[in-house]
Amino acid sequence: MTDKTVTITVDEDGEIKFLVDEHSKPFITPETVVKRASHVEPANPLLRVMFHGLRSACSRQSSLAEFTRMWPCDWRINLAPIGGPILPGTYEDRQDAIDEEVRFLNDTFV
């Protein structure tokens, strides 16, 4: 069974933060500002440069973007988009890295 929990944080100024996924889409309005929280990217520096170069040249839904998601390499979690660190460790399976990324963001909401 899929976890349908949505973690929502409201700060002292009333700003609401939550991770966007299929369960949180009902909370998104036309006024919602969606920002990237992190990157799950190849741990290898050369692959990482190629990955970001290719991803900047195509849409998220493109076959090229899908190709980059299938690379057989180690993956790392980079929280630079929200001013955070690169989390320690790497993951052989990209989905394992994404699952850890979501856990971390929901636990700490940097």
N, C-alpha and C. Protein backbone atom coordinates (compact mmCIF):
# COMPACT_ATOMS: atom_id res chain seq x y z
N MET A 1 0.83 -1.19 0.00
CA MET A 1 0.00 0.00 0.00
C MET A 1 0.87 1.24 0.00
N THR A 2 0.55 2.20 -0.82
CA THR A 2 1.30 3.44 -0.94
C THR A 2 0.96 4.36 0.22
N ASP A 3 2.01 5.00 0.76
CA ASP A 3 1.82 5.98 1.82
C ASP A 3 1.19 7.23 1.22
N LYS A 4 0.06 7.66 1.76
CA LYS A 4 -0.64 8.82 1.25
C LYS A 4 -0.48 10.03 2.17
N THR A 5 0.55 10.03 2.98
CA THR A 5 0.80 11.13 3.90
C THR A 5 1.40 12.32 3.17
N VAL A 6 0.90 13.50 3.45
CA VAL A 6 1.46 14.75 2.94
C VAL A 6 1.91 15.54 4.15
N THR A 7 3.20 15.85 4.23
CA THR A 7 3.73 16.65 5.32
C THR A 7 3.67 18.11 4.90
N ILE A 8 2.97 18.92 5.68
CA ILE A 8 2.81 20.34 5.38
C ILE A 8 3.39 21.13 6.54
N THR A 9 4.22 22.12 6.21
CA THR A 9 4.81 23.00 7.21
C THR A 9 4.29 24.40 6.98
N VAL A 10 3.85 25.06 8.05
CA VAL A 10 3.41 26.45 7.98
C VAL A 10 4.33 27.24 8.90
N ASP A 11 5.05 28.23 8.32
CA ASP A 11 5.97 29.00 9.16
C ASP A 11 5.24 30.17 9.83
N GLU A 12 5.98 30.95 10.63
CA GLU A 12 5.37 32.04 11.40
C GLU A 12 4.78 33.14 10.52
N ASP A 13 5.22 33.22 9.26
CA ASP A 13 4.67 34.21 8.32
C ASP A 13 3.49 33.66 7.52
N GLY A 14 3.11 32.43 7.81
CA GLY A 14 1.99 31.82 7.10
C GLY A 14 2.37 31.15 5.80
N GLU A 15 3.66 31.09 5.49
CA GLU A 15 4.11 30.41 4.27
C GLU A 15 3.96 28.90 4.45
N ILE A 16 3.34 28.27 3.47
CA ILE A 16 3.07 26.84 3.52
C ILE A 16 4.06 26.12 2.61
N LYS A 17 4.67 25.05 3.12
CA LYS A 17 5.61 24.24 2.33
C LYS A 17 5.17 22.79 2.37
N PHE A 18 5.28 22.13 1.21
CA PHE A 18 5.03 20.70 1.14
C PHE A 18 5.68 20.16 -0.11
N LEU A 19 5.94 18.86 -0.11
CA LEU A 19 6.50 18.22 -1.29
C LEU A 19 5.38 17.93 -2.28
N VAL A 20 5.65 18.21 -3.55
CA VAL A 20 4.65 17.97 -4.58
C VAL A 20 4.77 16.52 -5.05
N ASP A 21 3.67 15.81 -4.94
CA ASP A 21 3.55 14.45 -5.49
C ASP A 21 2.10 14.23 -5.83
N GLU A 22 1.75 13.02 -6.21
CA GLU A 22 0.36 12.77 -6.63
C GLU A 22 -0.65 12.98 -5.50
N HIS A 23 -0.21 12.87 -4.25
CA HIS A 23 -1.12 13.03 -3.12
C HIS A 23 -1.31 14.49 -2.70
N SER A 24 -0.34 15.35 -3.04
CA SER A 24 -0.44 16.75 -2.63
C SER A 24 -0.99 17.66 -3.73
N LYS A 25 -1.23 17.12 -4.91
CA LYS A 25 -1.72 17.95 -6.03
C LYS A 25 -3.02 18.70 -5.70
N PRO A 26 -3.93 18.16 -4.88
CA PRO A 26 -5.13 18.94 -4.56
C PRO A 26 -4.83 20.26 -3.83
N PHE A 27 -3.64 20.39 -3.23
CA PHE A 27 -3.28 21.61 -2.51
C PHE A 27 -2.72 22.69 -3.43
N ILE A 28 -2.44 22.34 -4.69
CA ILE A 28 -1.83 23.28 -5.62
C ILE A 28 -2.91 24.12 -6.30
N THR A 29 -2.72 25.42 -6.22
CA THR A 29 -3.63 26.38 -6.85
C THR A 29 -2.84 27.14 -7.91
N PRO A 30 -3.51 27.96 -8.72
CA PRO A 30 -2.77 28.76 -9.69
C PRO A 30 -1.76 29.71 -9.05
N GLU A 31 -1.97 30.06 -7.79
CA GLU A 31 -1.05 30.97 -7.09
C GLU A 31 0.14 30.24 -6.47
N THR A 32 0.11 28.92 -6.45
CA THR A 32 1.17 28.15 -5.82
C THR A 32 2.49 28.33 -6.57
N VAL A 33 3.54 28.61 -5.81
CA VAL A 33 4.88 28.72 -6.38
C VAL A 33 5.59 27.39 -6.09
N VAL A 34 5.95 26.69 -7.15
CA VAL A 34 6.62 25.40 -7.00
C VAL A 34 8.11 25.60 -7.26
N LYS A 35 8.92 25.17 -6.30
CA LYS A 35 10.38 25.28 -6.42
C LYS A 35 11.01 23.91 -6.25
N ARG A 36 12.07 23.68 -6.98
CA ARG A 36 12.83 22.43 -6.85
C ARG A 36 13.53 22.43 -5.50
N ALA A 37 13.45 21.32 -4.79
CA ALA A 37 14.11 21.21 -3.49
C ALA A 37 15.47 20.56 -3.59
N SER A 38 15.67 19.70 -4.57
CA SER A 38 16.92 18.96 -4.65
C SER A 38 17.08 18.33 -6.02
N HIS A 39 18.24 17.73 -6.21
CA HIS A 39 18.53 16.95 -7.41
C HIS A 39 18.99 15.57 -6.99
N VAL A 40 18.45 14.53 -7.60
CA VAL A 40 19.04 13.21 -7.51
C VAL A 40 19.84 13.10 -8.80
N GLU A 41 21.15 13.01 -8.65
CA GLU A 41 22.06 13.12 -9.79
C GLU A 41 23.16 12.07 -9.69
N PRO A 42 23.83 11.78 -10.82
CA PRO A 42 24.94 10.82 -10.76
C PRO A 42 26.03 11.28 -9.80
N ALA A 43 26.60 10.34 -9.08
CA ALA A 43 27.69 10.65 -8.16
C ALA A 43 28.99 10.91 -8.92
N ASN A 44 29.18 10.27 -10.07
CA ASN A 44 30.37 10.44 -10.89
C ASN A 44 30.38 11.85 -11.49
N PRO A 45 31.45 12.62 -11.28
CA PRO A 45 31.48 14.02 -11.75
C PRO A 45 31.25 14.18 -13.26
N LEU A 46 31.85 13.33 -14.09
CA LEU A 46 31.67 13.44 -15.53
C LEU A 46 30.22 13.14 -15.94
N LEU A 47 29.67 12.07 -15.38
CA LEU A 47 28.26 11.75 -15.66
C LEU A 47 27.34 12.86 -15.17
N ARG A 48 27.68 13.46 -14.03
CA ARG A 48 26.85 14.53 -13.47
C ARG A 48 26.80 15.74 -14.41
N VAL A 49 27.95 16.12 -14.98
CA VAL A 49 27.99 17.24 -15.93
C VAL A 49 27.15 16.88 -17.16
N MET A 50 27.31 15.67 -17.67
CA MET A 50 26.52 15.24 -18.83
C MET A 50 25.03 15.22 -18.49
N PHE A 51 24.69 14.72 -17.32
CA PHE A 51 23.30 14.63 -16.87
C PHE A 51 22.64 16.01 -16.84
N HIS A 52 23.29 16.97 -16.18
CA HIS A 52 22.71 18.31 -16.07
C HIS A 52 22.68 19.02 -17.42
N GLY A 53 23.69 18.78 -18.25
CA GLY A 53 23.69 19.37 -19.58
C GLY A 53 22.53 18.86 -20.42
N LEU A 54 22.34 17.55 -20.43
CA LEU A 54 21.23 16.96 -21.18
C LEU A 54 19.89 17.40 -20.62
N ARG A 55 19.77 17.40 -19.29
CA ARG A 55 18.49 17.75 -18.67
C ARG A 55 18.13 19.22 -18.88
N SER A 56 19.13 20.09 -18.99
CA SER A 56 18.84 21.50 -19.24
C SER A 56 18.41 21.73 -20.68
N ALA A 57 18.70 20.78 -21.56
CA ALA A 57 18.38 20.93 -22.98
C ALA A 57 17.05 20.28 -23.38
N CYS A 58 16.37 19.68 -22.43
CA CYS A 58 15.13 18.98 -22.78
C CYS A 58 14.10 19.12 -21.67
N SER A 59 12.86 18.76 -21.98
CA SER A 59 11.80 18.83 -20.97
C SER A 59 11.84 17.59 -20.08
N ARG A 60 11.23 17.70 -18.93
CA ARG A 60 11.17 16.58 -17.97
C ARG A 60 10.49 15.35 -18.56
N GLN A 61 9.58 15.56 -19.49
CA GLN A 61 8.80 14.46 -20.05
C GLN A 61 9.43 13.87 -21.32
N SER A 62 10.56 14.38 -21.76
CA SER A 62 11.15 13.93 -23.01
C SER A 62 11.77 12.53 -22.87
N SER A 63 11.96 11.90 -24.01
CA SER A 63 12.61 10.57 -24.01
C SER A 63 14.07 10.71 -23.59
N LEU A 64 14.70 11.85 -23.87
CA LEU A 64 16.07 12.07 -23.43
C LEU A 64 16.15 12.16 -21.91
N ALA A 65 15.21 12.87 -21.29
CA ALA A 65 15.18 12.94 -19.83
C ALA A 65 14.94 11.55 -19.24
N GLU A 66 14.06 10.80 -19.85
CA GLU A 66 13.80 9.43 -19.38
C GLU A 66 15.06 8.58 -19.49
N PHE A 67 15.80 8.74 -20.57
CA PHE A 67 17.07 8.02 -20.76
C PHE A 67 18.04 8.31 -19.61
N THR A 68 18.14 9.59 -19.20
CA THR A 68 19.07 9.93 -18.12
C THR A 68 18.67 9.32 -16.79
N ARG A 69 17.39 9.06 -16.61
CA ARG A 69 16.91 8.45 -15.36
C ARG A 69 17.28 6.96 -15.26
N MET A 70 17.63 6.37 -16.38
CA MET A 70 17.89 4.93 -16.44
C MET A 70 19.37 4.59 -16.38
N TRP A 71 20.23 5.57 -16.25
CA TRP A 71 21.67 5.30 -16.26
C TRP A 71 22.05 4.34 -15.13
N PRO A 72 22.85 3.32 -15.45
CA PRO A 72 23.31 2.37 -14.42
C PRO A 72 24.54 2.94 -13.70
N CYS A 73 24.31 3.81 -12.74
CA CYS A 73 25.42 4.44 -12.02
C CYS A 73 25.01 4.64 -10.57
N ASP A 74 25.95 5.11 -9.77
CA ASP A 74 25.62 5.49 -8.40
C ASP A 74 25.01 6.89 -8.43
N TRP A 75 24.04 7.11 -7.54
CA TRP A 75 23.29 8.37 -7.48
C TRP A 75 23.51 9.03 -6.12
N ARG A 76 23.48 10.35 -6.13
CA ARG A 76 23.59 11.09 -4.87
C ARG A 76 22.44 12.09 -4.78
N ILE A 77 22.24 12.63 -3.56
CA ILE A 77 21.17 13.59 -3.30
C ILE A 77 21.81 14.93 -3.02
N ASN A 78 21.49 15.92 -3.85
CA ASN A 78 22.06 17.25 -3.76
C ASN A 78 20.94 18.24 -3.41
N LEU A 79 21.02 18.83 -2.23
CA LEU A 79 20.00 19.76 -1.76
C LEU A 79 20.37 21.22 -2.03
N ALA A 80 21.28 21.47 -2.96
CA ALA A 80 21.70 22.83 -3.28
C ALA A 80 20.55 23.76 -3.66
N PRO A 81 19.51 23.29 -4.36
CA PRO A 81 18.43 24.23 -4.72
C PRO A 81 17.76 24.91 -3.53
N ILE A 82 17.83 24.32 -2.35
CA ILE A 82 17.27 24.97 -1.15
C ILE A 82 18.37 25.38 -0.17
N GLY A 83 19.61 25.45 -0.68
CA GLY A 83 20.73 25.86 0.15
C GLY A 83 21.21 24.79 1.10
N GLY A 84 20.87 23.55 0.82
CA GLY A 84 21.26 22.44 1.68
C GLY A 84 22.51 21.73 1.19
N PRO A 85 22.90 20.69 1.90
CA PRO A 85 24.13 19.96 1.58
C PRO A 85 23.89 18.86 0.53
N ILE A 86 24.97 18.23 0.16
CA ILE A 86 24.90 16.96 -0.56
C ILE A 86 24.88 15.90 0.53
N LEU A 87 23.83 15.09 0.55
CA LEU A 87 23.70 14.10 1.61
C LEU A 87 24.79 13.04 1.48
N PRO A 88 25.27 12.51 2.61
CA PRO A 88 26.30 11.49 2.54
C PRO A 88 25.76 10.20 1.93
N GLY A 89 26.63 9.49 1.28
CA GLY A 89 26.26 8.19 0.72
C GLY A 89 25.80 8.29 -0.72
N THR A 90 25.83 7.15 -1.37
CA THR A 90 25.34 7.04 -2.75
C THR A 90 24.42 5.83 -2.82
N TYR A 91 23.66 5.76 -3.91
CA TYR A 91 22.66 4.71 -4.09
C TYR A 91 22.83 4.11 -5.48
N GLU A 92 22.89 2.78 -5.55
CA GLU A 92 22.99 2.11 -6.84
C GLU A 92 21.70 2.23 -7.63
N ASP A 93 20.59 2.30 -6.93
CA ASP A 93 19.28 2.39 -7.56
C ASP A 93 18.76 3.82 -7.40
N ARG A 94 18.42 4.47 -8.51
CA ARG A 94 17.96 5.86 -8.47
C ARG A 94 16.70 6.01 -7.62
N GLN A 95 15.79 5.05 -7.69
CA GLN A 95 14.57 5.14 -6.91
C GLN A 95 14.86 5.10 -5.41
N ASP A 96 15.87 4.33 -5.00
CA ASP A 96 16.26 4.32 -3.58
C ASP A 96 16.73 5.71 -3.15
N ALA A 97 17.47 6.40 -4.03
CA ALA A 97 17.92 7.76 -3.72
C ALA A 97 16.73 8.71 -3.62
N ILE A 98 15.78 8.57 -4.52
CA ILE A 98 14.59 9.42 -4.48
C ILE A 98 13.79 9.17 -3.21
N ASP A 99 13.64 7.91 -2.83
CA ASP A 99 12.91 7.58 -1.60
C ASP A 99 13.59 8.21 -0.38
N GLU A 100 14.92 8.15 -0.33
CA GLU A 100 15.66 8.76 0.78
C GLU A 100 15.54 10.28 0.75
N GLU A 101 15.59 10.85 -0.45
CA GLU A 101 15.42 12.30 -0.61
C GLU A 101 14.07 12.75 -0.03
N VAL A 102 13.02 12.04 -0.35
CA VAL A 102 11.68 12.39 0.15
C VAL A 102 11.62 12.23 1.66
N ARG A 103 12.18 11.13 2.19
CA ARG A 103 12.21 10.93 3.64
C ARG A 103 12.93 12.09 4.32
N PHE A 104 14.12 12.43 3.81
CA PHE A 104 14.91 13.50 4.40
C PHE A 104 14.15 14.82 4.37
N LEU A 105 13.61 15.18 3.22
CA LEU A 105 12.88 16.45 3.12
C LEU A 105 11.66 16.48 4.02
N ASN A 106 10.94 15.39 4.12
CA ASN A 106 9.77 15.36 5.01
C ASN A 106 10.17 15.42 6.47
N ASP A 107 11.32 14.82 6.81
CA ASP A 107 11.78 14.83 8.22
C ASP A 107 12.38 16.16 8.64
N THR A 108 13.07 16.83 7.73
CA THR A 108 13.82 18.02 8.13
C THR A 108 13.26 19.30 7.52
N PHE A 109 12.66 19.20 6.37
CA PHE A 109 12.14 20.33 5.61
C PHE A 109 13.05 21.53 5.71
N VAL A 110 14.28 21.34 5.22
CA VAL A 110 15.31 22.36 5.23
C VAL A 110 14.79 23.63 4.61
